[in-house]
Amino acid sequence: MGMRLVAEFEGALAATVQYDQHADHVHVIGLAVHPDYQRRGVARCLLDEIDQRAVLPGQPVVVLDTIKETGNVPLFEKLGFEVTREKVATWCQSETFSQVHDVKMERIVIPNK
């Protein structure tokens, strides 16, 4: 069962993210930021909090999956993630693209000193 974090501003829900802790990594699932709060560092704050929670039990890697065609890969790269795998996503379809690509990304957690 996953854990969920939310970000609120003046009582309004700004963002949410779910994550699962595994033996050797933390898997980020379903990061979403409300359009009114995008480009304000909210996603970075949530992911940084996940990093801190990953360090405590000794899970040095945070991973996520995204679809390349959403345009999210460059956004996650700016947040310190690197592409570790890309393959055709046979499990989903798009009305816009003939095929879409499932991208696995990860970033190494560096503990605060």
Protein backbone atom coordinates (compact mmCIF):
# COMPACT_ATOMS: atom_id res chain seq x y z
CA MET A 1 0.00 0.00 0.00
CA GLY A 2 1.39 3.38 -1.00
CA MET A 3 1.86 6.55 0.93
CA ARG A 4 0.45 9.86 -0.29
CA LEU A 5 1.72 13.39 0.17
CA VAL A 6 -0.26 16.52 -0.59
CA ALA A 7 0.70 20.17 -0.90
CA GLU A 8 -1.79 22.79 0.20
CA PHE A 9 -1.72 26.57 -0.13
CA GLU A 10 -4.18 28.54 1.97
CA GLY A 11 -6.45 25.52 2.23
CA ALA A 12 -6.41 24.74 -1.49
CA LEU A 13 -5.03 21.42 -2.76
CA ALA A 14 -2.06 22.33 -4.96
CA ALA A 15 -0.49 18.93 -5.66
CA THR A 16 -0.39 15.29 -4.71
CA VAL A 17 1.97 12.37 -5.16
CA GLN A 18 1.83 8.73 -4.16
CA TYR A 19 4.87 6.55 -3.55
CA ASP A 20 5.68 2.97 -2.58
CA GLN A 21 8.70 1.96 -0.52
CA HIS A 22 10.54 -1.15 -1.69
CA ALA A 23 13.60 -2.89 -0.28
CA ASP A 24 16.09 -0.99 -2.45
CA HIS A 25 14.17 1.98 -3.87
CA VAL A 26 11.17 4.25 -3.61
CA HIS A 27 8.74 4.24 -6.54
CA VAL A 28 6.94 7.51 -7.29
CA ILE A 29 3.41 7.10 -8.65
CA GLY A 30 0.96 9.68 -9.92
CA LEU A 31 2.56 13.06 -9.32
CA ALA A 32 0.02 15.76 -10.17
CA VAL A 33 0.20 19.53 -9.72
CA HIS A 34 -2.89 21.70 -10.19
CA PRO A 35 -2.38 24.05 -13.19
CA ASP A 36 -2.68 27.14 -10.95
CA TYR A 37 0.39 25.98 -8.99
CA GLN A 38 2.61 24.64 -11.77
CA ARG A 39 6.09 26.11 -12.34
CA ARG A 40 6.33 27.21 -8.69
CA GLY A 41 8.53 24.42 -7.34
CA VAL A 42 5.69 22.40 -5.81
CA ALA A 43 6.66 19.14 -7.54
CA ARG A 44 10.29 19.65 -6.51
CA CYS A 45 9.25 20.10 -2.88
CA LEU A 46 7.16 16.93 -2.90
CA LEU A 47 9.94 14.91 -4.55
CA ASP A 48 12.51 16.31 -2.12
CA GLU A 49 10.31 15.18 0.77
CA ILE A 50 10.15 11.70 -0.77
CA ASP A 51 13.96 11.76 -0.99
CA GLN A 52 14.20 12.48 2.72
CA ARG A 53 11.80 9.67 3.51
CA ALA A 54 13.82 7.33 1.28
CA VAL A 55 17.10 8.12 3.03
CA LEU A 56 15.83 7.16 6.48
CA PRO A 57 15.22 3.48 5.69
CA GLY A 58 18.29 3.36 3.40
CA GLN A 59 16.59 3.36 0.00
CA PRO A 60 19.08 5.41 -2.06
CA VAL A 61 17.17 5.47 -5.35
CA VAL A 62 13.88 7.12 -6.28
CA VAL A 63 12.33 5.78 -9.49
CA LEU A 64 9.32 6.70 -11.60
CA ASP A 65 7.70 5.76 -14.87
CA THR A 66 6.27 8.20 -17.40
CA ILE A 67 5.12 8.26 -21.00
CA LYS A 68 7.64 10.05 -23.21
CA GLU A 69 5.00 11.64 -25.41
CA THR A 70 3.47 13.55 -22.46
CA GLY A 71 6.52 15.80 -22.44
CA ASN A 72 7.32 14.92 -18.84
CA VAL A 73 10.80 13.48 -19.44
CA PRO A 74 12.54 16.89 -19.72
CA LEU A 75 10.64 18.13 -16.67
CA PHE A 76 11.83 15.20 -14.58
CA GLU A 77 15.37 15.60 -15.94
CA LYS A 78 15.35 19.18 -14.59
CA LEU A 79 14.41 17.65 -11.23
CA GLY A 80 17.50 15.42 -11.29
CA PHE A 81 16.10 12.23 -12.78
CA GLU A 82 17.89 10.28 -15.52
CA VAL A 83 16.38 7.94 -18.09
CA THR A 84 17.35 4.34 -17.33
CA ARG A 85 15.04 2.55 -19.80
CA GLU A 86 12.75 3.37 -22.67
CA LYS A 87 10.51 0.94 -24.53
CA VAL A 88 7.30 0.93 -26.52
CA ALA A 89 4.35 0.95 -24.14
CA THR A 90 2.27 -1.93 -25.46
CA TRP A 91 -0.13 -1.58 -22.51
CA CYS A 92 -1.63 1.74 -23.66
CA GLN A 93 -2.81 3.52 -26.80
CA SER A 94 -2.91 7.10 -27.98
CA GLU A 95 -5.29 8.91 -30.29
CA THR A 96 -2.43 11.25 -31.25
CA PHE A 97 0.61 8.96 -31.60
CA SER A 98 0.91 5.65 -33.45
CA GLN A 99 2.86 4.33 -30.46
CA VAL A 100 3.93 5.70 -27.11
CA HIS A 101 7.01 4.99 -25.03
CA ASP A 102 7.23 3.95 -21.41
CA VAL A 103 10.25 5.63 -19.81
CA LYS A 104 11.74 4.56 -16.49
CA MET A 105 13.70 7.29 -14.71
CA GLU A 106 15.65 7.42 -11.47
CA ARG A 107 17.61 9.74 -9.26
CA ILE A 108 20.08 8.87 -6.56
CA VAL A 109 19.19 10.23 -3.13
CA ILE A 110 21.98 12.19 -1.50
CA PRO A 111 21.43 12.60 2.25
CA ASN A 112 21.56 16.10 3.72
CA LYS A 113 24.73 16.58 5.68
